[in-house]
């Protein structure tokens, strides 16, 4: 759901209960570069697709920006991107 230029709420539908949460943040290019650097410094595995293999890469093929994903040991998923992909209603 598009709220405004600074906030979009996206809801996923699932047929089963699950406790895993997905958190997403939009950053400018400099912030994104710093994030990638911090993930690398801390040895946190990251990937270019939501459920794909760890490739230590960001996705630049969609949404005219960069997207990166990583997971916490407890199963929660994180996403950072430089361009929002929610569309205004």
PDB file of N, CA and C in Angstrom:
ATOM      1  N   UNK A   1       0.839  -1.160   0.000  1.00  0.00           N
ATOM      2  CA  UNK A   1       0.000   0.000   0.000  1.00  0.00           C
ATOM      3  C   UNK A   1       0.896   1.240   0.000  1.00  0.00           C
ATOM      4  N   UNK A   2       0.712   2.093  -0.971  1.00  0.00           N
ATOM      5  CA  UNK A   2       1.440   3.348  -1.053  1.00  0.00           C
ATOM      6  C   UNK A   2       0.822   4.315  -0.050  1.00  0.00           C
ATOM      7  N   UNK A   3       1.632   4.819   0.877  1.00  0.00           N
ATOM      8  CA  UNK A   3       1.153   5.800   1.849  1.00  0.00           C
ATOM      9  C   UNK A   3       1.564   7.192   1.398  1.00  0.00           C
ATOM     10  N   UNK A   4       2.861   7.364   1.145  1.00  0.00           N
ATOM     11  CA  UNK A   4       3.388   8.614   0.609  1.00  0.00           C
ATOM     12  C   UNK A   4       4.792   8.332   0.084  1.00  0.00           C
ATOM     13  N   UNK A   5       5.506   9.357  -0.345  1.00  0.00           N
ATOM     14  CA  UNK A   5       6.838   9.158  -0.929  1.00  0.00           C
ATOM     15  C   UNK A   5       7.816   8.518   0.055  1.00  0.00           C
ATOM     16  N   UNK A   6       7.568   8.665   1.358  1.00  0.00           N
ATOM     17  CA  UNK A   6       8.492   8.139   2.352  1.00  0.00           C
ATOM     18  C   UNK A   6       8.072   6.793   2.930  1.00  0.00           C
ATOM     19  N   UNK A   7       6.827   6.362   2.677  1.00  0.00           N
ATOM     20  CA  UNK A   7       6.350   5.148   3.330  1.00  0.00           C
ATOM     21  C   UNK A   7       5.422   4.342   2.434  1.00  0.00           C
ATOM     22  N   UNK A   8       5.731   3.055   2.316  1.00  0.00           N
ATOM     23  CA  UNK A   8       4.850   2.104   1.640  1.00  0.00           C
ATOM     24  C   UNK A   8       4.754   0.877   2.532  1.00  0.00           C
ATOM     25  N   UNK A   9       3.571   0.351   2.692  1.00  0.00           N
ATOM     26  CA  UNK A   9       3.359  -0.859   3.482  1.00  0.00           C
ATOM     27  C   UNK A   9       2.977  -1.982   2.527  1.00  0.00           C
ATOM     28  N   UNK A  10       3.745  -3.050   2.553  1.00  0.00           N
ATOM     29  CA  UNK A  10       3.480  -4.195   1.693  1.00  0.00           C
ATOM     30  C   UNK A  10       3.119  -5.384   2.567  1.00  0.00           C
ATOM     31  N   UNK A  11       2.051  -6.070   2.219  1.00  0.00           N
ATOM     32  CA  UNK A  11       1.582  -7.215   2.968  1.00  0.00           C
ATOM     33  C   UNK A  11       1.675  -8.452   2.093  1.00  0.00           C
ATOM     34  N   UNK A  12       2.219  -9.519   2.665  1.00  0.00           N
ATOM     35  CA  UNK A  12       2.370 -10.769   1.951  1.00  0.00           C
ATOM     36  C   UNK A  12       1.258 -11.718   2.385  1.00  0.00           C
ATOM     37  N   UNK A  13       0.747 -12.504   1.471  1.00  0.00           N
ATOM     38  CA  UNK A  13      -0.291 -13.484   1.792  1.00  0.00           C
ATOM     39  C   UNK A  13       0.336 -14.866   1.865  1.00  0.00           C
ATOM     40  N   UNK A  14      -0.103 -15.641   2.850  1.00  0.00           N
ATOM     41  CA  UNK A  14       0.447 -16.972   3.050  1.00  0.00           C
ATOM     42  C   UNK A  14      -0.660 -17.875   3.583  1.00  0.00           C
ATOM     43  N   UNK A  15      -0.653 -19.128   3.177  1.00  0.00           N
ATOM     44  CA  UNK A  15      -1.679 -20.073   3.598  1.00  0.00           C
ATOM     45  C   UNK A  15      -1.383 -20.739   4.936  1.00  0.00           C
ATOM     46  N   UNK A  16      -0.192 -20.530   5.482  1.00  0.00           N
ATOM     47  CA  UNK A  16       0.178 -21.136   6.766  1.00  0.00           C
ATOM     48  C   UNK A  16       0.700 -20.060   7.704  1.00  0.00           C
ATOM     49  N   UNK A  17       0.622 -20.340   8.999  1.00  0.00           N
ATOM     50  CA  UNK A  17       1.183 -19.419   9.982  1.00  0.00           C
ATOM     51  C   UNK A  17       2.695 -19.534   9.972  1.00  0.00           C
ATOM     52  N   UNK A  18       3.347 -18.424  10.090  1.00  0.00           N
ATOM     53  CA  UNK A  18       4.796 -18.454  10.198  1.00  0.00           C
ATOM     54  C   UNK A  18       5.265 -17.239  10.993  1.00  0.00           C
ATOM     55  N   UNK A  19       6.260 -17.432  11.840  1.00  0.00           N
ATOM     56  CA  UNK A  19       6.730 -16.345  12.688  1.00  0.00           C
ATOM     57  C   UNK A  19       7.792 -15.461  12.046  1.00  0.00           C
ATOM     58  N   UNK A  20       8.283 -15.835  10.881  1.00  0.00           N
ATOM     59  CA  UNK A  20       9.364 -15.079  10.242  1.00  0.00           C
ATOM     60  C   UNK A  20       8.830 -13.743   9.728  1.00  0.00           C
ATOM     61  N   UNK A  21       9.575 -12.701   9.968  1.00  0.00           N
ATOM     62  CA  UNK A  21       9.220 -11.362   9.515  1.00  0.00           C
ATOM     63  C   UNK A  21      10.197 -10.901   8.441  1.00  0.00           C
ATOM     64  N   UNK A  22       9.746  -9.983   7.625  1.00  0.00           N
ATOM     65  CA  UNK A  22      10.561  -9.398   6.560  1.00  0.00           C
ATOM     66  C   UNK A  22      10.585  -7.896   6.785  1.00  0.00           C
ATOM     67  N   UNK A  23      11.775  -7.336   6.877  1.00  0.00           N
ATOM     68  CA  UNK A  23      11.940  -5.914   7.099  1.00  0.00           C
ATOM     69  C   UNK A  23      12.686  -5.314   5.914  1.00  0.00           C
ATOM     70  N   UNK A  24      12.226  -4.172   5.438  1.00  0.00           N
ATOM     71  CA  UNK A  24      12.832  -3.540   4.268  1.00  0.00           C
ATOM     72  C   UNK A  24      13.075  -2.065   4.541  1.00  0.00           C
ATOM     73  N   UNK A  25      14.226  -1.583   4.105  1.00  0.00           N
ATOM     74  CA  UNK A  25      14.590  -0.185   4.262  1.00  0.00           C
ATOM     75  C   UNK A  25      15.062   0.376   2.935  1.00  0.00           C
ATOM     76  N   UNK A  26      14.682   1.610   2.669  1.00  0.00           N
ATOM     77  CA  UNK A  26      15.179   2.291   1.469  1.00  0.00           C
ATOM     78  C   UNK A  26      16.288   3.241   1.890  1.00  0.00           C
ATOM     79  N   UNK A  27      17.382   3.194   1.156  1.00  0.00           N
ATOM     80  CA  UNK A  27      18.555   4.019   1.431  1.00  0.00           C
ATOM     81  C   UNK A  27      18.946   4.782   0.177  1.00  0.00           C
ATOM     82  N   UNK A  28      19.678   5.871   0.370  1.00  0.00           N
ATOM     83  CA  UNK A  28      20.269   6.517  -0.794  1.00  0.00           C
ATOM     84  C   UNK A  28      21.505   5.706  -1.190  1.00  0.00           C
ATOM     85  N   UNK A  29      22.124   6.050  -2.308  1.00  0.00           N
ATOM     86  CA  UNK A  29      23.255   5.261  -2.806  1.00  0.00           C
ATOM     87  C   UNK A  29      24.420   5.208  -1.822  1.00  0.00           C
ATOM     88  N   UNK A  30      24.724   6.310  -1.178  1.00  0.00           N
ATOM     89  CA  UNK A  30      25.835   6.326  -0.213  1.00  0.00           C
ATOM     90  C   UNK A  30      25.515   5.431   0.980  1.00  0.00           C
ATOM     91  N   UNK A  31      24.292   5.495   1.482  1.00  0.00           N
ATOM     92  CA  UNK A  31      23.889   4.643   2.590  1.00  0.00           C
ATOM     93  C   UNK A  31      23.914   3.176   2.211  1.00  0.00           C
ATOM     94  N   UNK A  32      23.518   2.867   0.987  1.00  0.00           N
ATOM     95  CA  UNK A  32      23.539   1.492   0.495  1.00  0.00           C
ATOM     96  C   UNK A  32      24.977   0.977   0.450  1.00  0.00           C
ATOM     97  N   UNK A  33      25.887   1.800  -0.057  1.00  0.00           N
ATOM     98  CA  UNK A  33      27.302   1.403  -0.106  1.00  0.00           C
ATOM     99  C   UNK A  33      27.846   1.142   1.302  1.00  0.00           C
ATOM    100  N   UNK A  34      27.467   2.000   2.261  1.00  0.00           N
ATOM    101  CA  UNK A  34      27.914   1.798   3.644  1.00  0.00           C
ATOM    102  C   UNK A  34      27.349   0.501   4.212  1.00  0.00           C
ATOM    103  N   UNK A  35      26.095   0.214   3.916  1.00  0.00           N
ATOM    104  CA  UNK A  35      25.472  -1.025   4.391  1.00  0.00           C
ATOM    105  C   UNK A  35      26.207  -2.241   3.845  1.00  0.00           C
ATOM    106  N   UNK A  36      26.470  -2.267   2.552  1.00  0.00           N
ATOM    107  CA  UNK A  36      27.191  -3.394   1.950  1.00  0.00           C
ATOM    108  C   UNK A  36      28.557  -3.553   2.631  1.00  0.00           C
ATOM    109  N   UNK A  37      29.219  -2.433   2.886  1.00  0.00           N
ATOM    110  CA  UNK A  37      30.509  -2.484   3.573  1.00  0.00           C
ATOM    111  C   UNK A  37      30.389  -3.079   4.965  1.00  0.00           C
ATOM    112  N   UNK A  38      29.369  -2.680   5.710  1.00  0.00           N
ATOM    113  CA  UNK A  38      29.172  -3.206   7.067  1.00  0.00           C
ATOM    114  C   UNK A  38      28.834  -4.696   7.047  1.00  0.00           C
ATOM    115  N   UNK A  39      27.994  -5.106   6.118  1.00  0.00           N
ATOM    116  CA  UNK A  39      27.678  -6.532   6.015  1.00  0.00           C
ATOM    117  C   UNK A  39      28.948  -7.334   5.766  1.00  0.00           C
ATOM    118  N   UNK A  40      29.780  -6.852   4.848  1.00  0.00           N
ATOM    119  CA  UNK A  40      31.036  -7.533   4.549  1.00  0.00           C
ATOM    120  C   UNK A  40      31.985  -7.554   5.736  1.00  0.00           C
ATOM    121  N   UNK A  41      32.122  -6.418   6.429  1.00  0.00           N
ATOM    122  CA  UNK A  41      33.010  -6.341   7.596  1.00  0.00           C
ATOM    123  C   UNK A  41      32.599  -7.301   8.699  1.00  0.00           C
ATOM    124  N   UNK A  42      31.309  -7.484   8.851  1.00  0.00           N
ATOM    125  CA  UNK A  42      30.799  -8.349   9.924  1.00  0.00           C
ATOM    126  C   UNK A  42      30.643  -9.807   9.489  1.00  0.00           C
ATOM    127  N   UNK A  43      30.979 -10.087   8.241  1.00  0.00           N
ATOM    128  CA  UNK A  43      30.889 -11.457   7.750  1.00  0.00           C
ATOM    129  C   UNK A  43      29.460 -11.953   7.598  1.00  0.00           C
ATOM    130  N   UNK A  44      28.525 -11.030   7.384  1.00  0.00           N
ATOM    131  CA  UNK A  44      27.124 -11.402   7.208  1.00  0.00           C
ATOM    132  C   UNK A  44      26.889 -11.751   5.747  1.00  0.00           C
ATOM    133  N   UNK A  45      26.410 -12.951   5.519  1.00  0.00           N
ATOM    134  CA  UNK A  45      26.150 -13.417   4.153  1.00  0.00           C
ATOM    135  C   UNK A  45      24.969 -12.651   3.575  1.00  0.00           C
ATOM    136  N   UNK A  46      25.136 -12.131   2.367  1.00  0.00           N
ATOM    137  CA  UNK A  46      24.036 -11.422   1.713  1.00  0.00           C
ATOM    138  C   UNK A  46      23.900 -11.908   0.285  1.00  0.00           C
ATOM    139  N   UNK A  47      22.751 -11.567  -0.298  1.00  0.00           N
ATOM    140  CA  UNK A  47      22.432 -12.111  -1.613  1.00  0.00           C
ATOM    141  C   UNK A  47      21.627 -11.109  -2.434  1.00  0.00           C
ATOM    142  N   UNK A  48      21.523 -11.378  -3.712  1.00  0.00           N
ATOM    143  CA  UNK A  48      20.845 -10.465  -4.638  1.00  0.00           C
ATOM    144  C   UNK A  48      19.390 -10.827  -4.881  1.00  0.00           C
ATOM    145  N   UNK A  49      18.938 -11.958  -4.363  1.00  0.00           N
ATOM    146  CA  UNK A  49      17.538 -12.374  -4.528  1.00  0.00           C
ATOM    147  C   UNK A  49      16.968 -12.766  -3.171  1.00  0.00           C
ATOM    148  N   UNK A  50      15.657 -12.677  -3.005  1.00  0.00           N
ATOM    149  CA  UNK A  50      15.064 -12.920  -1.691  1.00  0.00           C
ATOM    150  C   UNK A  50      15.376 -14.292  -1.094  1.00  0.00           C
ATOM    151  N   UNK A  51      15.343 -15.334  -1.898  1.00  0.00           N
ATOM    152  CA  UNK A  51      15.527 -16.692  -1.385  1.00  0.00           C
ATOM    153  C   UNK A  51      16.629 -17.440  -2.118  1.00  0.00           C
ATOM    154  N   UNK A  52      17.455 -16.721  -2.811  1.00  0.00           N
ATOM    155  CA  UNK A  52      18.489 -17.368  -3.608  1.00  0.00           C
ATOM    156  C   UNK A  52      19.737 -17.673  -2.810  1.00  0.00           C
ATOM    157  N   UNK A  53      20.768 -18.127  -3.511  1.00  0.00           N
ATOM    158  CA  UNK A  53      22.028 -18.472  -2.856  1.00  0.00           C
ATOM    159  C   UNK A  53      22.785 -17.213  -2.428  1.00  0.00           C
ATOM    160  N   UNK A  54      23.639 -17.371  -1.455  1.00  0.00           N
ATOM    161  CA  UNK A  54      24.504 -16.277  -1.021  1.00  0.00           C
ATOM    162  C   UNK A  54      25.496 -16.009  -2.139  1.00  0.00           C
ATOM    163  N   UNK A  55      25.390 -14.831  -2.754  1.00  0.00           N
ATOM    164  CA  UNK A  55      26.294 -14.490  -3.852  1.00  0.00           C
ATOM    165  C   UNK A  55      27.070 -13.204  -3.577  1.00  0.00           C
ATOM    166  N   UNK A  56      26.878 -12.634  -2.381  1.00  0.00           N
ATOM    167  CA  UNK A  56      27.562 -11.391  -1.978  1.00  0.00           C
ATOM    168  C   UNK A  56      27.472 -10.339  -3.085  1.00  0.00           C
ATOM    169  N   UNK A  57      26.258 -10.190  -3.584  1.00  0.00           N
ATOM    170  CA  UNK A  57      26.005  -9.251  -4.669  1.00  0.00           C
ATOM    171  C   UNK A  57      24.679  -8.557  -4.421  1.00  0.00           C
ATOM    172  N   UNK A  58      24.496  -7.419  -5.076  1.00  0.00           N
ATOM    173  CA  UNK A  58      23.196  -6.745  -5.028  1.00  0.00           C
ATOM    174  C   UNK A  58      22.531  -6.889  -6.389  1.00  0.00           C
ATOM    175  N   UNK A  59      21.219  -6.836  -6.391  1.00  0.00           N
ATOM    176  CA  UNK A  59      20.437  -6.961  -7.606  1.00  0.00           C
ATOM    177  C   UNK A  59      20.306  -5.580  -8.237  1.00  0.00           C
ATOM    178  N   UNK A  60      20.738  -5.454  -9.466  1.00  0.00           N
ATOM    179  CA  UNK A  60      20.628  -4.182 -10.187  1.00  0.00           C
ATOM    180  C   UNK A  60      19.735  -4.328 -11.420  1.00  0.00           C
ATOM    181  N   UNK A  61      19.082  -5.464 -11.558  1.00  0.00           N
ATOM    182  CA  UNK A  61      18.302  -5.753 -12.756  1.00  0.00           C
ATOM    183  C   UNK A  61      16.831  -5.366 -12.638  1.00  0.00           C
ATOM    184  N   UNK A  62      16.390  -4.976 -11.448  1.00  0.00           N
ATOM    185  CA  UNK A  62      14.975  -4.665 -11.259  1.00  0.00           C
ATOM    186  C   UNK A  62      14.812  -3.298 -10.606  1.00  0.00           C
ATOM    187  N   UNK A  63      13.738  -2.651 -10.906  1.00  0.00           N
ATOM    188  CA  UNK A  63      13.296  -1.442 -10.210  1.00  0.00           C
ATOM    189  C   UNK A  63      14.243  -0.252 -10.331  1.00  0.00           C
ATOM    190  N   UNK A  64      15.133  -0.251 -11.273  1.00  0.00           N
ATOM    191  CA  UNK A  64      16.018   0.887 -11.544  1.00  0.00           C
ATOM    192  C   UNK A  64      16.870   1.290 -10.353  1.00  0.00           C
ATOM    193  N   UNK A  65      17.236   0.355  -9.533  1.00  0.00           N
ATOM    194  CA  UNK A  65      18.071   0.647  -8.370  1.00  0.00           C
ATOM    195  C   UNK A  65      18.835  -0.590  -7.958  1.00  0.00           C
ATOM    196  N   UNK A  66      19.227  -0.625  -6.709  1.00  0.00           N
ATOM    197  CA  UNK A  66      19.950  -1.778  -6.170  1.00  0.00           C
ATOM    198  C   UNK A  66      19.156  -2.353  -4.996  1.00  0.00           C
ATOM    199  N   UNK A  67      19.170  -3.670  -4.872  1.00  0.00           N
ATOM    200  CA  UNK A  67      18.484  -4.365  -3.792  1.00  0.00           C
ATOM    201  C   UNK A  67      19.434  -5.426  -3.246  1.00  0.00           C
ATOM    202  N   UNK A  68      19.427  -5.594  -1.927  1.00  0.00           N
ATOM    203  CA  UNK A  68      20.220  -6.638  -1.286  1.00  0.00           C
ATOM    204  C   UNK A  68      19.375  -7.268  -0.178  1.00  0.00           C
ATOM    205  N   UNK A  69      19.618  -8.550   0.080  1.00  0.00           N
ATOM    206  CA  UNK A  69      18.866  -9.300   1.088  1.00  0.00           C
ATOM    207  C   UNK A  69      19.846 -10.032   1.997  1.00  0.00           C
ATOM    208  N   UNK A  70      19.472 -10.200   3.272  1.00  0.00           N
ATOM    209  CA  UNK A  70      20.224 -11.025   4.196  1.00  0.00           C
ATOM    210  C   UNK A  70      19.272 -11.536   5.269  1.00  0.00           C
ATOM    211  N   UNK A  71      19.701 -12.584   5.967  1.00  0.00           N
ATOM    212  CA  UNK A  71      18.842 -13.218   6.966  1.00  0.00           C
ATOM    213  C   UNK A  71      19.534 -13.235   8.318  1.00  0.00           C
ATOM    214  N   UNK A  72      18.736 -13.115   9.343  1.00  0.00           N
ATOM    215  CA  UNK A  72      19.220 -13.250  10.723  1.00  0.00           C
ATOM    216  C   UNK A  72      19.230 -14.732  11.078  1.00  0.00           C
ATOM    217  N   UNK A  73      20.028 -15.130  12.063  1.00  0.00           N
ATOM    218  CA  UNK A  73      20.037 -16.537  12.476  1.00  0.00           C
ATOM    219  C   UNK A  73      18.661 -17.044  12.912  1.00  0.00           C
ATOM    220  N   UNK A  74      17.799 -16.149  13.421  1.00  0.00           N
ATOM    221  CA  UNK A  74      16.465 -16.576  13.867  1.00  0.00           C
ATOM    222  C   UNK A  74      15.476 -16.689  12.710  1.00  0.00           C
ATOM    223  N   UNK A  75      15.935 -16.420  11.473  1.00  0.00           N
ATOM    224  CA  UNK A  75      15.094 -16.601  10.305  1.00  0.00           C
ATOM    225  C   UNK A  75      14.465 -15.338   9.748  1.00  0.00           C
ATOM    226  N   UNK A  76      14.568 -14.223  10.468  1.00  0.00           N
ATOM    227  CA  UNK A  76      13.998 -12.984   9.948  1.00  0.00           C
ATOM    228  C   UNK A  76      14.812 -12.509   8.746  1.00  0.00           C
ATOM    229  N   UNK A  77      14.114 -11.988   7.754  1.00  0.00           N
ATOM    230  CA  UNK A  77      14.752 -11.552   6.514  1.00  0.00           C
ATOM    231  C   UNK A  77      14.784 -10.040   6.440  1.00  0.00           C
ATOM    232  N   UNK A  78      15.864  -9.522   5.913  1.00  0.00           N
ATOM    233  CA  UNK A  78      16.057  -8.084   5.746  1.00  0.00           C
ATOM    234  C   UNK A  78      16.276  -7.781   4.267  1.00  0.00           C
ATOM    235  N   UNK A  79      15.846  -6.609   3.875  1.00  0.00           N
ATOM    236  CA  UNK A  79      16.004  -6.140   2.500  1.00  0.00           C
ATOM    237  C   UNK A  79      16.349  -4.661   2.563  1.00  0.00           C
ATOM    238  N   UNK A  80      17.275  -4.252   1.739  1.00  0.00           N
ATOM    239  CA  UNK A  80      17.581  -2.831   1.587  1.00  0.00           C
ATOM    240  C   UNK A  80      17.568  -2.519   0.101  1.00  0.00           C
ATOM    241  N   UNK A  81      17.036  -1.363  -0.237  1.00  0.00           N
ATOM    242  CA  UNK A  81      16.946  -0.987  -1.644  1.00  0.00           C
ATOM    243  C   UNK A  81      17.152   0.513  -1.807  1.00  0.00           C
ATOM    244  N   UNK A  82      17.476   0.896  -3.030  1.00  0.00           N
ATOM    245  CA  UNK A  82      17.706   2.319  -3.312  1.00  0.00           C
ATOM    246  C   UNK A  82      16.536   2.969  -4.032  1.00  0.00           C
ATOM    247  N   UNK A  83      15.659   2.174  -4.632  1.00  0.00           N
ATOM    248  CA  UNK A  83      14.472   2.700  -5.312  1.00  0.00           C
ATOM    249  C   UNK A  83      13.261   1.918  -4.842  1.00  0.00           C
ATOM    250  N   UNK A  84      12.213   2.605  -4.464  1.00  0.00           N
ATOM    251  CA  UNK A  84      11.012   1.880  -4.026  1.00  0.00           C
ATOM    252  C   UNK A  84      10.354   1.227  -5.230  1.00  0.00           C
ATOM    253  N   UNK A  85       9.723   0.116  -4.968  1.00  0.00           N
ATOM    254  CA  UNK A  85       9.019  -0.559  -6.059  1.00  0.00           C
ATOM    255  C   UNK A  85       7.527  -0.609  -5.842  1.00  0.00           C
ATOM    256  N   UNK A  86       7.040  -0.066  -4.720  1.00  0.00           N
ATOM    257  CA  UNK A  86       5.594   0.032  -4.530  1.00  0.00           C
ATOM    258  C   UNK A  86       5.092   1.121  -5.487  1.00  0.00           C
ATOM    259  N   UNK A  87       3.973   0.876  -6.072  1.00  0.00           N
ATOM    260  CA  UNK A  87       3.439   1.837  -7.033  1.00  0.00           C
ATOM    261  C   UNK A  87       2.320   2.644  -6.409  1.00  0.00           C
ATOM    262  N   UNK A  88       2.290   3.888  -6.737  1.00  0.00           N
ATOM    263  CA  UNK A  88       1.244   4.768  -6.233  1.00  0.00           C
ATOM    264  C   UNK A  88      -0.119   4.298  -6.750  1.00  0.00           C
ATOM    265  N   UNK A  89      -1.110   4.300  -5.849  1.00  0.00           N
ATOM    266  CA  UNK A  89      -2.459   3.853  -6.219  1.00  0.00           C
ATOM    267  C   UNK A  89      -3.073   4.790  -7.235  1.00  0.00           C
TER     268      UNK A  89
END
